[in-house]
Structure formats: C-alpha cells, structure tokens
Amino acid sequence: MPQIIQTYIDMGSSATKCLYWHGRPSLLHLDPQVARLNPTRLDRLMLGGLTSQEPEDSAYVMVGNSAYAIGALAIAQKGDSGLALPKRDRAVYKILATLGVIAEKTHSGEASTETGYEFEAQIGLLLPLEEYWQDRKELKAQIQAAIAEFGFRGKTLLGQLTRIEMQPEGAGLYLAKGLQLARANVAIRDRTVVVLMFGHRNLSILTFEKGSTPQEMNSTSQGPGFVEYLKQCATELLAIASDDPALLEAVLGGHETFRIPGRREPLTLAKACGYAREFYLVG
C-alpha cells in the first residue's frame, strides 16, 4: 500500500516552510536557494557521500534529464533564492524536494534503487496573491505531471496527487481570526476582515468580505517586502548580494558588523541597517 504524505507548504522567499503529519505534526525547513546541477558534478557529489547526509541538507531532484539542488545543497553550489522570479517558476522543484525529504524521513523500510518510494500526496499550498489569482490551475497541472515520477537523491519516487488545496498567503491568519470570533459566538461571514502580510518579497493587503476570497478590486500584493530593506543594506555595504543568506542572518541577528569572505576588515552593518530602515519606512 502506498505511503500517504499529508503536508502544507509555504514556499517563502526567506525559506520553504512545511508542516507534515507522521503520527503527529512535524515541521520542515529548507533554505530558499535553487541551483541547477551539471550531471558530472552530481556524480562527484555522490562519490563524496552526499546521500549519507540528512535529506534536507543534501536535497536534489531529477526532473526529466535535469537535476536541481534545493536548500542547503543549493547554497553550497552557489545557487540563488530567485527573488526576481515568480514563485511558480521554481515551485515544482521545491515541492518535489519537500515531498522527497518527507518520504525519506517517514518511509518504513528500505527503498530499492529500482522502485524507490511510492506514495500518495495530499498537499496544501500557499501562493502569492497575484499567482493565486492567475496561475493556480496551471501550477496544479505541472505538479500533477511531475510528481508521477521523479528522482530524489538518486532514488525514483512514484507519486499520485490525490488532493491539492491552494490558498493565498495570509489565509491562515484569516482562519485564525475566524476561530477567535467563533469563541465569541460571532460568525466571520458577518464581518469584513483585512489581513496585512509583511512578507520577504512583498507586502500584501488581503480583504475577506463575508467569507469570500480576496478579489482584485479590494486586495493587492504590490507593497514593498523585506527584500527592499536588504537591497538597501547591500547598496550601503557594496560587494554583497541582497539575497546572500549570510546578510539576512546578520541582519536578523542584530550584528553590528558583517564580514565578507576574502576581506580582512569587517563592514559596519549597524550604519547600513539604519539607512536601510529609514529608506524602507519612508519609501
């Protein structure tokens, strides 16, 4: 009997976050970077003991004849987080990698090199508002086709998509508000709820009127995201990319200085963050 994978995935620009069920709820985190792998490079990585690592630390997928590293492995392969790209462009690779990691972590018994893992997938997916409106039907078809047979860390995975539910990012906050109102014996369908999403890529305003999904007439996702703050930091520091994971880590950690490999003197991060904060809030 095929394994059943139930998961909700948020392919955020700062990370791919995933909640899945295996007896109890479990969390999974993958870095947002993706890198295309040369087949010869992949052979060398395999010889170097790549698959002896935890699957989330060495995740790569084979889609047709192409290989893609996801997360920590992609960082090591000089991948990028694709901030300038729509999320749909890399969604299939990230979803396949997430399913591959879960399959390895939850599968009982060993997978043979011939058959690998067989599973049924029930997926919840969060999409940026614009992509929810425009791309969800096409993305569902792409996922359904790719999941049928793909490679993960050298093994073949055979999947069947039995259910997929797509929601705009921020829908979870709306559901949480619904529970809060229900405890006060108030039906959320009698209210208009506005959700603000301060995301990494953009700032979204979602308006739920009488239980309906956000519409283009009352909602938008065109506001400035946290990446604009990081871009300004990178402009002040020079010689650093705005999607460098080390920059994000330093900013979130509140570090006063920042070191770039190959340079002896640290850069003053505190001053750059001050300028970036003023730019972000005023702009």
C-alpha atoms as a PDB file:
ATOM      1  CA  MET A   1       0.000   0.000   0.000  1.00  0.00           C
ATOM      2  CA  PRO A   2       1.481   3.407  -0.967  1.00  0.00           C
ATOM      3  CA  GLN A   3       2.623   5.727   1.773  1.00  0.00           C
ATOM      4  CA  ILE A   4       0.335   8.748   2.317  1.00  0.00           C
ATOM      5  CA  ILE A   5       2.026  12.147   2.648  1.00  0.00           C
ATOM      6  CA  GLN A   6      -0.072  14.985   4.045  1.00  0.00           C
ATOM      7  CA  THR A   7       1.613  18.360   4.045  1.00  0.00           C
ATOM      8  CA  TYR A   8       1.089  22.103   3.865  1.00  0.00           C
ATOM      9  CA  ILE A   9       3.882  24.022   2.107  1.00  0.00           C
ATOM     10  CA  ASP A  10       4.780  27.714   2.117  1.00  0.00           C
ATOM     11  CA  MET A  11       7.492  28.400  -0.472  1.00  0.00           C
ATOM     12  CA  GLY A  12       8.569  31.653   1.159  1.00  0.00           C
ATOM     13  CA  SER A  13      11.374  33.748  -0.281  1.00  0.00           C
ATOM     14  CA  SER A  14      13.230  33.547   3.041  1.00  0.00           C
ATOM     15  CA  ALA A  15      12.670  29.775   3.366  1.00  0.00           C
ATOM     16  CA  THR A  16      10.419  26.910   2.341  1.00  0.00           C
ATOM     17  CA  LYS A  17       8.385  26.069   5.431  1.00  0.00           C
ATOM     18  CA  CYS A  18       6.420  22.871   5.667  1.00  0.00           C
ATOM     19  CA  LEU A  19       4.060  21.218   8.156  1.00  0.00           C
ATOM     20  CA  TYR A  20       3.518  17.494   7.652  1.00  0.00           C
ATOM     21  CA  TRP A  21       1.865  14.673   9.546  1.00  0.00           C
ATOM     22  CA  HIS A  22       3.530  11.434  10.602  1.00  0.00           C
ATOM     23  CA  GLY A  23       1.689  10.287  13.691  1.00  0.00           C
ATOM     24  CA  ARG A  24       1.967  13.868  14.923  1.00  0.00           C
ATOM     25  CA  PRO A  25       2.553  17.278  13.298  1.00  0.00           C
ATOM     26  CA  SER A  26       6.183  17.884  12.295  1.00  0.00           C
ATOM     27  CA  LEU A  27       7.971  20.912  10.863  1.00  0.00           C
ATOM     28  CA  LEU A  28      10.416  21.032   7.986  1.00  0.00           C
ATOM     29  CA  HIS A  29      12.585  23.945   6.844  1.00  0.00           C
ATOM     30  CA  LEU A  30      14.520  24.252   3.587  1.00  0.00           C
ATOM     31  CA  ASP A  31      16.623  27.232   2.534  1.00  0.00           C
ATOM     32  CA  PRO A  32      15.114  29.066  -0.475  1.00  0.00           C
ATOM     33  CA  GLN A  33      18.068  28.642  -2.847  1.00  0.00           C
ATOM     34  CA  VAL A  34      17.872  26.543  -6.030  1.00  0.00           C
ATOM     35  CA  ALA A  35      20.786  25.594  -8.294  1.00  0.00           C
ATOM     36  CA  ARG A  36      20.846  23.610 -11.497  1.00  0.00           C
ATOM     37  CA  LEU A  37      23.390  20.778 -11.272  1.00  0.00           C
ATOM     38  CA  ASN A  38      25.676  19.523 -14.005  1.00  0.00           C
ATOM     39  CA  PRO A  39      25.328  15.698 -14.251  1.00  0.00           C
ATOM     40  CA  THR A  40      29.122  15.242 -13.963  1.00  0.00           C
ATOM     41  CA  ARG A  41      29.167  17.454 -10.887  1.00  0.00           C
ATOM     42  CA  LEU A  42      26.356  15.356  -9.451  1.00  0.00           C
ATOM     43  CA  ASP A  43      28.404  12.180  -9.915  1.00  0.00           C
ATOM     44  CA  ARG A  44      31.271  13.718  -7.929  1.00  0.00           C
ATOM     45  CA  LEU A  45      28.889  14.771  -5.154  1.00  0.00           C
ATOM     46  CA  MET A  46      27.535  11.225  -4.951  1.00  0.00           C
ATOM     47  CA  LEU A  47      31.052   9.832  -4.630  1.00  0.00           C
ATOM     48  CA  GLY A  48      31.660  12.337  -1.847  1.00  0.00           C
ATOM     49  CA  GLY A  49      28.970  10.745   0.334  1.00  0.00           C
ATOM     50  CA  LEU A  50      26.184  13.189  -0.449  1.00  0.00           C
ATOM     51  CA  THR A  51      23.350  10.795   0.355  1.00  0.00           C
ATOM     52  CA  SER A  52      24.779   9.946   3.786  1.00  0.00           C
ATOM     53  CA  GLN A  53      23.663  13.389   4.998  1.00  0.00           C
ATOM     54  CA  GLU A  54      20.192  14.282   6.244  1.00  0.00           C
ATOM     55  CA  PRO A  55      17.862  14.610   3.247  1.00  0.00           C
ATOM     56  CA  GLU A  56      17.024  18.269   3.960  1.00  0.00           C
ATOM     57  CA  ASP A  57      20.764  19.096   3.976  1.00  0.00           C
ATOM     58  CA  SER A  58      21.501  17.401   0.644  1.00  0.00           C
ATOM     59  CA  ALA A  59      18.269  17.635  -1.319  1.00  0.00           C
ATOM     60  CA  TYR A  60      18.316  17.413  -5.095  1.00  0.00           C
ATOM     61  CA  VAL A  61      15.673  16.326  -7.581  1.00  0.00           C
ATOM     62  CA  MET A  62      15.810  14.884 -11.084  1.00  0.00           C
ATOM     63  CA  VAL A  63      13.045  16.139 -13.381  1.00  0.00           C
ATOM     64  CA  GLY A  64      13.448  14.501 -16.765  1.00  0.00           C
ATOM     65  CA  ASN A  65      17.161  14.779 -17.579  1.00  0.00           C
ATOM     66  CA  SER A  66      17.731  17.868 -15.423  1.00  0.00           C
ATOM     67  CA  ALA A  67      18.981  17.958 -11.826  1.00  0.00           C
ATOM     68  CA  TYR A  68      18.314  20.723  -9.309  1.00  0.00           C
ATOM     69  CA  ALA A  69      19.771  21.227  -5.847  1.00  0.00           C
ATOM     70  CA  ILE A  70      17.411  22.688  -3.270  1.00  0.00           C
ATOM     71  CA  GLY A  71      18.146  24.394   0.047  1.00  0.00           C
ATOM     72  CA  ALA A  72      21.474  23.908   1.820  1.00  0.00           C
ATOM     73  CA  LEU A  73      22.976  21.945  -1.081  1.00  0.00           C
ATOM     74  CA  ALA A  74      21.988  24.732  -3.474  1.00  0.00           C
ATOM     75  CA  ILE A  75      23.785  27.275  -1.268  1.00  0.00           C
ATOM     76  CA  ALA A  76      26.933  25.141  -1.477  1.00  0.00           C
ATOM     77  CA  GLN A  77      26.511  25.067  -5.268  1.00  0.00           C
ATOM     78  CA  LYS A  78      26.254  28.894  -5.477  1.00  0.00           C
ATOM     79  CA  GLY A  79      22.501  28.850  -6.092  1.00  0.00           C
ATOM     80  CA  ASP A  80      20.247  31.854  -5.608  1.00  0.00           C
ATOM     81  CA  SER A  81      16.870  32.422  -3.996  1.00  0.00           C
ATOM     82  CA  GLY A  82      15.235  33.709  -7.189  1.00  0.00           C
ATOM     83  CA  LEU A  83      13.723  36.800  -5.622  1.00  0.00           C
ATOM     84  CA  ALA A  84      13.214  38.399  -9.024  1.00  0.00           C
ATOM     85  CA  LEU A  85      11.296  35.364 -10.304  1.00  0.00           C
ATOM     86  CA  PRO A  86       7.634  34.467  -9.749  1.00  0.00           C
ATOM     87  CA  LYS A  87       7.380  31.651  -7.205  1.00  0.00           C
ATOM     88  CA  ARG A  88       5.687  29.429  -9.811  1.00  0.00           C
ATOM     89  CA  ASP A  89       8.966  29.256 -11.786  1.00  0.00           C
ATOM     90  CA  ARG A  90      10.624  27.109  -9.113  1.00  0.00           C
ATOM     91  CA  ALA A  91       7.590  25.794  -7.288  1.00  0.00           C
ATOM     92  CA  VAL A  92       7.707  22.299  -8.818  1.00  0.00           C
ATOM     93  CA  TYR A  93      11.357  21.711  -7.822  1.00  0.00           C
ATOM     94  CA  LYS A  94      10.751  22.927  -4.261  1.00  0.00           C
ATOM     95  CA  ILE A  95       7.583  20.857  -3.862  1.00  0.00           C
ATOM     96  CA  LEU A  96       9.253  17.702  -5.216  1.00  0.00           C
ATOM     97  CA  ALA A  97      12.226  18.226  -2.898  1.00  0.00           C
ATOM     98  CA  THR A  98       9.912  18.728   0.084  1.00  0.00           C
ATOM     99  CA  LEU A  99       7.987  15.555  -0.730  1.00  0.00           C
ATOM    100  CA  GLY A 100      11.272  13.674  -1.203  1.00  0.00           C
ATOM    101  CA  VAL A 101      12.561  14.755   2.207  1.00  0.00           C
ATOM    102  CA  ILE A 102       9.291  13.765   3.900  1.00  0.00           C
ATOM    103  CA  ALA A 103       9.245  10.416   2.082  1.00  0.00           C
ATOM    104  CA  GLU A 104      12.752   9.587   3.312  1.00  0.00           C
ATOM    105  CA  LYS A 105      12.007  10.696   6.856  1.00  0.00           C
ATOM    106  CA  THR A 106       8.724   8.812   7.180  1.00  0.00           C
ATOM    107  CA  HIS A 107       9.082   5.766   4.927  1.00  0.00           C
ATOM    108  CA  SER A 108       9.157   2.448   6.758  1.00  0.00           C
ATOM    109  CA  GLY A 109      11.645   0.013   5.268  1.00  0.00           C
ATOM    110  CA  GLU A 110      14.297   0.458   2.625  1.00  0.00           C
ATOM    111  CA  ALA A 111      13.669   1.678  -0.898  1.00  0.00           C
ATOM    112  CA  SER A 112      15.258  -0.287  -3.711  1.00  0.00           C
ATOM    113  CA  THR A 113      17.183   1.522  -6.424  1.00  0.00           C
ATOM    114  CA  GLU A 114      14.716   0.149  -8.971  1.00  0.00           C
ATOM    115  CA  THR A 115      11.372   1.120  -7.447  1.00  0.00           C
ATOM    116  CA  GLY A 116      12.243   3.757  -4.856  1.00  0.00           C
ATOM    117  CA  TYR A 117       9.279   5.100  -2.918  1.00  0.00           C
ATOM    118  CA  GLU A 118       5.619   5.006  -3.878  1.00  0.00           C
ATOM    119  CA  PHE A 119       3.312   7.499  -2.205  1.00  0.00           C
ATOM    120  CA  GLU A 120       0.049   9.398  -2.392  1.00  0.00           C
ATOM    121  CA  ALA A 121       0.222  13.120  -1.719  1.00  0.00           C
ATOM    122  CA  GLN A 122      -2.337  15.434  -0.174  1.00  0.00           C
ATOM    123  CA  ILE A 123      -0.899  18.929  -0.455  1.00  0.00           C
ATOM    124  CA  GLY A 124      -1.881  22.348   0.789  1.00  0.00           C
ATOM    125  CA  LEU A 125      -0.060  25.185  -0.936  1.00  0.00           C
ATOM    126  CA  LEU A 126       0.254  28.883  -0.141  1.00  0.00           C
ATOM    127  CA  LEU A 127       0.740  31.208  -3.113  1.00  0.00           C
ATOM    128  CA  PRO A 128       1.350  34.941  -3.515  1.00  0.00           C
ATOM    129  CA  LEU A 129      -1.923  36.710  -4.167  1.00  0.00           C
ATOM    130  CA  GLU A 130      -1.252  37.536  -7.830  1.00  0.00           C
ATOM    131  CA  GLU A 131      -0.148  33.974  -8.562  1.00  0.00           C
ATOM    132  CA  TYR A 132      -3.151  32.570  -6.698  1.00  0.00           C
ATOM    133  CA  TRP A 133      -5.417  34.531  -9.000  1.00  0.00           C
ATOM    134  CA  GLN A 134      -3.588  33.800 -12.239  1.00  0.00           C
ATOM    135  CA  ASP A 135      -1.533  30.604 -12.042  1.00  0.00           C
ATOM    136  CA  ARG A 136      -3.025  28.051  -9.668  1.00  0.00           C
ATOM    137  CA  LYS A 137      -4.712  25.891 -12.321  1.00  0.00           C
ATOM    138  CA  GLU A 138      -1.583  25.673 -14.476  1.00  0.00           C
ATOM    139  CA  LEU A 139       0.609  25.035 -11.427  1.00  0.00           C
ATOM    140  CA  LYS A 140      -1.655  22.184 -10.305  1.00  0.00           C
ATOM    141  CA  ALA A 141      -1.256  20.524 -13.718  1.00  0.00           C
ATOM    142  CA  GLN A 142       2.541  20.923 -13.560  1.00  0.00           C
ATOM    143  CA  ILE A 143       2.729  19.385 -10.084  1.00  0.00           C
ATOM    144  CA  GLN A 144       0.439  16.515 -11.070  1.00  0.00           C
ATOM    145  CA  ALA A 145       2.630  15.646 -14.071  1.00  0.00           C
ATOM    146  CA  ALA A 146       5.983  15.999 -12.277  1.00  0.00           C
ATOM    147  CA  ILE A 147       5.011  14.066  -9.162  1.00  0.00           C
ATOM    148  CA  ALA A 148       4.130  10.925 -11.139  1.00  0.00           C
ATOM    149  CA  GLU A 149       7.825  10.008 -11.471  1.00  0.00           C
ATOM    150  CA  PHE A 150      10.885  11.963 -10.387  1.00  0.00           C
ATOM    151  CA  GLY A 151      14.257  11.362  -8.798  1.00  0.00           C
ATOM    152  CA  PHE A 152      15.274  12.365  -5.290  1.00  0.00           C
ATOM    153  CA  ARG A 153      18.833  11.811  -4.067  1.00  0.00           C
ATOM    154  CA  GLY A 154      19.395   9.004  -6.558  1.00  0.00           C
ATOM    155  CA  LYS A 155      16.131   7.122  -5.980  1.00  0.00           C
ATOM    156  CA  THR A 156      12.997   7.040  -8.096  1.00  0.00           C
ATOM    157  CA  LEU A 157       9.816   8.322  -6.475  1.00  0.00           C
ATOM    158  CA  LEU A 158       6.400   7.451  -7.876  1.00  0.00           C
ATOM    159  CA  GLY A 159       3.681   9.733  -6.605  1.00  0.00           C
ATOM    160  CA  GLN A 160      -0.011  10.273  -7.084  1.00  0.00           C
ATOM    161  CA  LEU A 161      -1.555  13.628  -6.262  1.00  0.00           C
ATOM    162  CA  THR A 162      -4.874  12.744  -4.639  1.00  0.00           C
ATOM    163  CA  ARG A 163      -5.689  16.200  -3.297  1.00  0.00           C
ATOM    164  CA  ILE A 164      -4.332  19.716  -3.601  1.00  0.00           C
ATOM    165  CA  GLU A 165      -5.685  22.846  -1.942  1.00  0.00           C
ATOM    166  CA  MET A 166      -4.262  26.242  -2.816  1.00  0.00           C
ATOM    167  CA  GLN A 167      -4.783  29.360  -0.739  1.00  0.00           C
ATOM    168  CA  PRO A 168      -3.374  32.879  -0.928  1.00  0.00           C
ATOM    169  CA  GLU A 169      -0.646  33.677   1.568  1.00  0.00           C
ATOM    170  CA  GLY A 170      -2.340  35.139   4.630  1.00  0.00           C
ATOM    171  CA  ALA A 171      -5.356  32.830   4.541  1.00  0.00           C
ATOM    172  CA  GLY A 172      -4.157  31.159   7.737  1.00  0.00           C
ATOM    173  CA  LEU A 173      -4.423  34.464   9.619  1.00  0.00           C
ATOM    174  CA  TYR A 174      -7.977  34.799   8.342  1.00  0.00           C
ATOM    175  CA  LEU A 175      -8.819  31.299   9.609  1.00  0.00           C
ATOM    176  CA  ALA A 176      -7.260  32.122  12.987  1.00  0.00           C
ATOM    177  CA  LYS A 177      -9.427  35.238  13.185  1.00  0.00           C
ATOM    178  CA  GLY A 178     -12.450  33.074  12.366  1.00  0.00           C
ATOM    179  CA  LEU A 179     -11.711  30.825  15.349  1.00  0.00           C
ATOM    180  CA  GLN A 180     -11.305  33.853  17.600  1.00  0.00           C
ATOM    181  CA  LEU A 181     -14.671  35.244  16.508  1.00  0.00           C
ATOM    182  CA  ALA A 182     -16.336  31.838  16.835  1.00  0.00           C
ATOM    183  CA  ARG A 183     -15.358  31.712  20.518  1.00  0.00           C
ATOM    184  CA  ALA A 184     -17.264  34.991  20.896  1.00  0.00           C
ATOM    185  CA  ASN A 185     -20.253  33.467  19.047  1.00  0.00           C
ATOM    186  CA  VAL A 186     -19.696  35.741  16.045  1.00  0.00           C
ATOM    187  CA  ALA A 187     -19.771  34.335  12.501  1.00  0.00           C
ATOM    188  CA  ILE A 188     -16.810  35.510  10.417  1.00  0.00           C
ATOM    189  CA  ARG A 189     -19.082  35.642   7.359  1.00  0.00           C
ATOM    190  CA  ASP A 190     -20.809  38.610   9.008  1.00  0.00           C
ATOM    191  CA  ARG A 191     -17.545  40.551   9.102  1.00  0.00           C
ATOM    192  CA  THR A 192     -15.057  42.115   6.706  1.00  0.00           C
ATOM    193  CA  VAL A 193     -11.543  41.015   7.691  1.00  0.00           C
ATOM    194  CA  VAL A 194      -8.404  42.732   6.394  1.00  0.00           C
ATOM    195  CA  VAL A 195      -5.103  40.856   6.650  1.00  0.00           C
ATOM    196  CA  LEU A 196      -1.709  42.568   6.246  1.00  0.00           C
ATOM    197  CA  MET A 197       1.161  40.290   5.197  1.00  0.00           C
ATOM    198  CA  PHE A 198       4.637  41.776   5.697  1.00  0.00           C
ATOM    199  CA  GLY A 199       6.453  39.236   3.536  1.00  0.00           C
ATOM    200  CA  HIS A 200      10.036  38.860   2.398  1.00  0.00           C
ATOM    201  CA  ARG A 201       9.203  39.549  -1.248  1.00  0.00           C
ATOM    202  CA  ASN A 202       6.263  41.954  -0.921  1.00  0.00           C
ATOM    203  CA  LEU A 203       3.649  43.455   1.350  1.00  0.00           C
ATOM    204  CA  SER A 204       0.108  42.207   0.759  1.00  0.00           C
ATOM    205  CA  ILE A 205      -3.298  43.539   1.770  1.00  0.00           C
ATOM    206  CA  LEU A 206      -5.993  40.847   1.670  1.00  0.00           C
ATOM    207  CA  THR A 207      -9.647  41.703   2.184  1.00  0.00           C
ATOM    208  CA  PHE A 208     -12.081  38.897   3.023  1.00  0.00           C
ATOM    209  CA  GLU A 209     -15.643  40.164   2.654  1.00  0.00           C
ATOM    210  CA  LYS A 210     -18.351  37.923   4.107  1.00  0.00           C
ATOM    211  CA  GLY A 211     -16.181  34.838   3.800  1.00  0.00           C
ATOM    212  CA  SER A 212     -15.190  35.355   0.155  1.00  0.00           C
ATOM    213  CA  THR A 213     -11.606  35.000  -1.071  1.00  0.00           C
ATOM    214  CA  PRO A 214      -9.690  38.248  -1.770  1.00  0.00           C
ATOM    215  CA  GLN A 215     -10.618  39.937  -5.056  1.00  0.00           C
ATOM    216  CA  GLU A 216      -8.561  42.196  -7.307  1.00  0.00           C
ATOM    217  CA  MET A 217     -10.891  45.114  -6.537  1.00  0.00           C
ATOM    218  CA  ASN A 218     -10.139  45.061  -2.785  1.00  0.00           C
ATOM    219  CA  SER A 219      -6.733  43.359  -2.367  1.00  0.00           C
ATOM    220  CA  THR A 220      -3.157  43.773  -3.572  1.00  0.00           C
ATOM    221  CA  SER A 221       0.327  42.288  -3.144  1.00  0.00           C
ATOM    222  CA  GLN A 222       2.349  45.139  -4.646  1.00  0.00           C
ATOM    223  CA  GLY A 223       3.716  46.642  -1.423  1.00  0.00           C
ATOM    224  CA  PRO A 224       7.441  46.639  -0.540  1.00  0.00           C
ATOM    225  CA  GLY A 225       8.685  43.452   1.111  1.00  0.00           C
ATOM    226  CA  PHE A 226      11.616  42.974   3.481  1.00  0.00           C
ATOM    227  CA  VAL A 227      13.864  42.300   0.492  1.00  0.00           C
ATOM    228  CA  GLU A 228      13.793  46.045  -0.247  1.00  0.00           C
ATOM    229  CA  TYR A 229      15.408  46.577   3.156  1.00  0.00           C
ATOM    230  CA  LEU A 230      18.098  44.018   2.318  1.00  0.00           C
ATOM    231  CA  LYS A 231      18.696  45.566  -1.110  1.00  0.00           C
ATOM    232  CA  GLN A 232      19.380  48.915   0.526  1.00  0.00           C
ATOM    233  CA  CYS A 233      21.715  47.257   3.044  1.00  0.00           C
ATOM    234  CA  ALA A 234      23.596  45.643   0.166  1.00  0.00           C
ATOM    235  CA  THR A 235      23.845  49.018  -1.591  1.00  0.00           C
ATOM    236  CA  GLU A 236      25.411  50.570   1.505  1.00  0.00           C
ATOM    237  CA  LEU A 237      27.819  47.673   2.081  1.00  0.00           C
ATOM    238  CA  LEU A 238      28.863  47.044  -1.542  1.00  0.00           C
ATOM    239  CA  ALA A 239      30.315  43.726  -2.778  1.00  0.00           C
ATOM    240  CA  ILE A 240      27.447  41.734  -1.257  1.00  0.00           C
ATOM    241  CA  ALA A 241      24.294  40.373  -2.891  1.00  0.00           C
ATOM    242  CA  SER A 242      20.945  41.247  -1.322  1.00  0.00           C
ATOM    243  CA  ASP A 243      19.922  37.554  -1.338  1.00  0.00           C
ATOM    244  CA  ASP A 244      23.117  36.371   0.371  1.00  0.00           C
ATOM    245  CA  PRO A 245      21.925  34.142   3.268  1.00  0.00           C
ATOM    246  CA  ALA A 246      24.738  35.469   5.453  1.00  0.00           C
ATOM    247  CA  LEU A 247      23.425  39.029   5.107  1.00  0.00           C
ATOM    248  CA  LEU A 248      19.915  38.023   6.154  1.00  0.00           C
ATOM    249  CA  GLU A 249      21.312  36.071   9.110  1.00  0.00           C
ATOM    250  CA  ALA A 250      23.441  39.027  10.218  1.00  0.00           C
ATOM    251  CA  VAL A 251      20.532  41.485   9.963  1.00  0.00           C
ATOM    252  CA  LEU A 252      18.141  39.227  11.856  1.00  0.00           C
ATOM    253  CA  GLY A 253      20.825  38.568  14.463  1.00  0.00           C
ATOM    254  CA  GLY A 254      21.314  42.299  15.063  1.00  0.00           C
ATOM    255  CA  HIS A 255      25.058  42.112  14.355  1.00  0.00           C
ATOM    256  CA  GLU A 256      26.909  45.424  14.292  1.00  0.00           C
ATOM    257  CA  THR A 257      29.494  44.279  11.759  1.00  0.00           C
ATOM    258  CA  PHE A 258      29.480  41.991   8.745  1.00  0.00           C
ATOM    259  CA  ARG A 259      32.377  40.047   7.230  1.00  0.00           C
ATOM    260  CA  ILE A 260      32.783  39.244   3.549  1.00  0.00           C
ATOM    261  CA  PRO A 261      35.000  36.237   2.679  1.00  0.00           C
ATOM    262  CA  GLY A 262      38.322  37.412   1.300  1.00  0.00           C
ATOM    263  CA  ARG A 263      38.230  40.810   3.021  1.00  0.00           C
ATOM    264  CA  ARG A 264      40.134  41.370   6.226  1.00  0.00           C
ATOM    265  CA  GLU A 265      38.211  44.335   7.600  1.00  0.00           C
ATOM    266  CA  PRO A 266      34.607  43.857   8.724  1.00  0.00           C
ATOM    267  CA  LEU A 267      31.946  46.170   7.326  1.00  0.00           C
ATOM    268  CA  THR A 268      29.809  48.266   9.642  1.00  0.00           C
ATOM    269  CA  LEU A 269      26.362  46.722   9.428  1.00  0.00           C
ATOM    270  CA  ALA A 270      24.662  48.913  12.038  1.00  0.00           C
ATOM    271  CA  LYS A 271      25.032  52.091   9.954  1.00  0.00           C
ATOM    272  CA  ALA A 272      23.847  50.336   6.789  1.00  0.00           C
ATOM    273  CA  CYS A 273      20.805  48.979   8.642  1.00  0.00           C
ATOM    274  CA  GLY A 274      19.998  52.474   9.919  1.00  0.00           C
ATOM    275  CA  TYR A 275      19.987  53.876   6.381  1.00  0.00           C
ATOM    276  CA  ALA A 276      18.017  50.880   5.094  1.00  0.00           C
ATOM    277  CA  ARG A 277      15.402  51.189   7.834  1.00  0.00           C
ATOM    278  CA  GLU A 278      14.854  54.883   7.030  1.00  0.00           C
ATOM    279  CA  PHE A 279      14.649  54.089   3.292  1.00  0.00           C
ATOM    280  CA  TYR A 280      12.225  51.224   3.843  1.00  0.00           C
ATOM    281  CA  LEU A 281       9.843  53.034   6.167  1.00  0.00           C
ATOM    282  CA  VAL A 282       9.818  56.315   4.248  1.00  0.00           C
ATOM    283  CA  GLY A 283       9.871  54.773   0.764  1.00  0.00           C
END
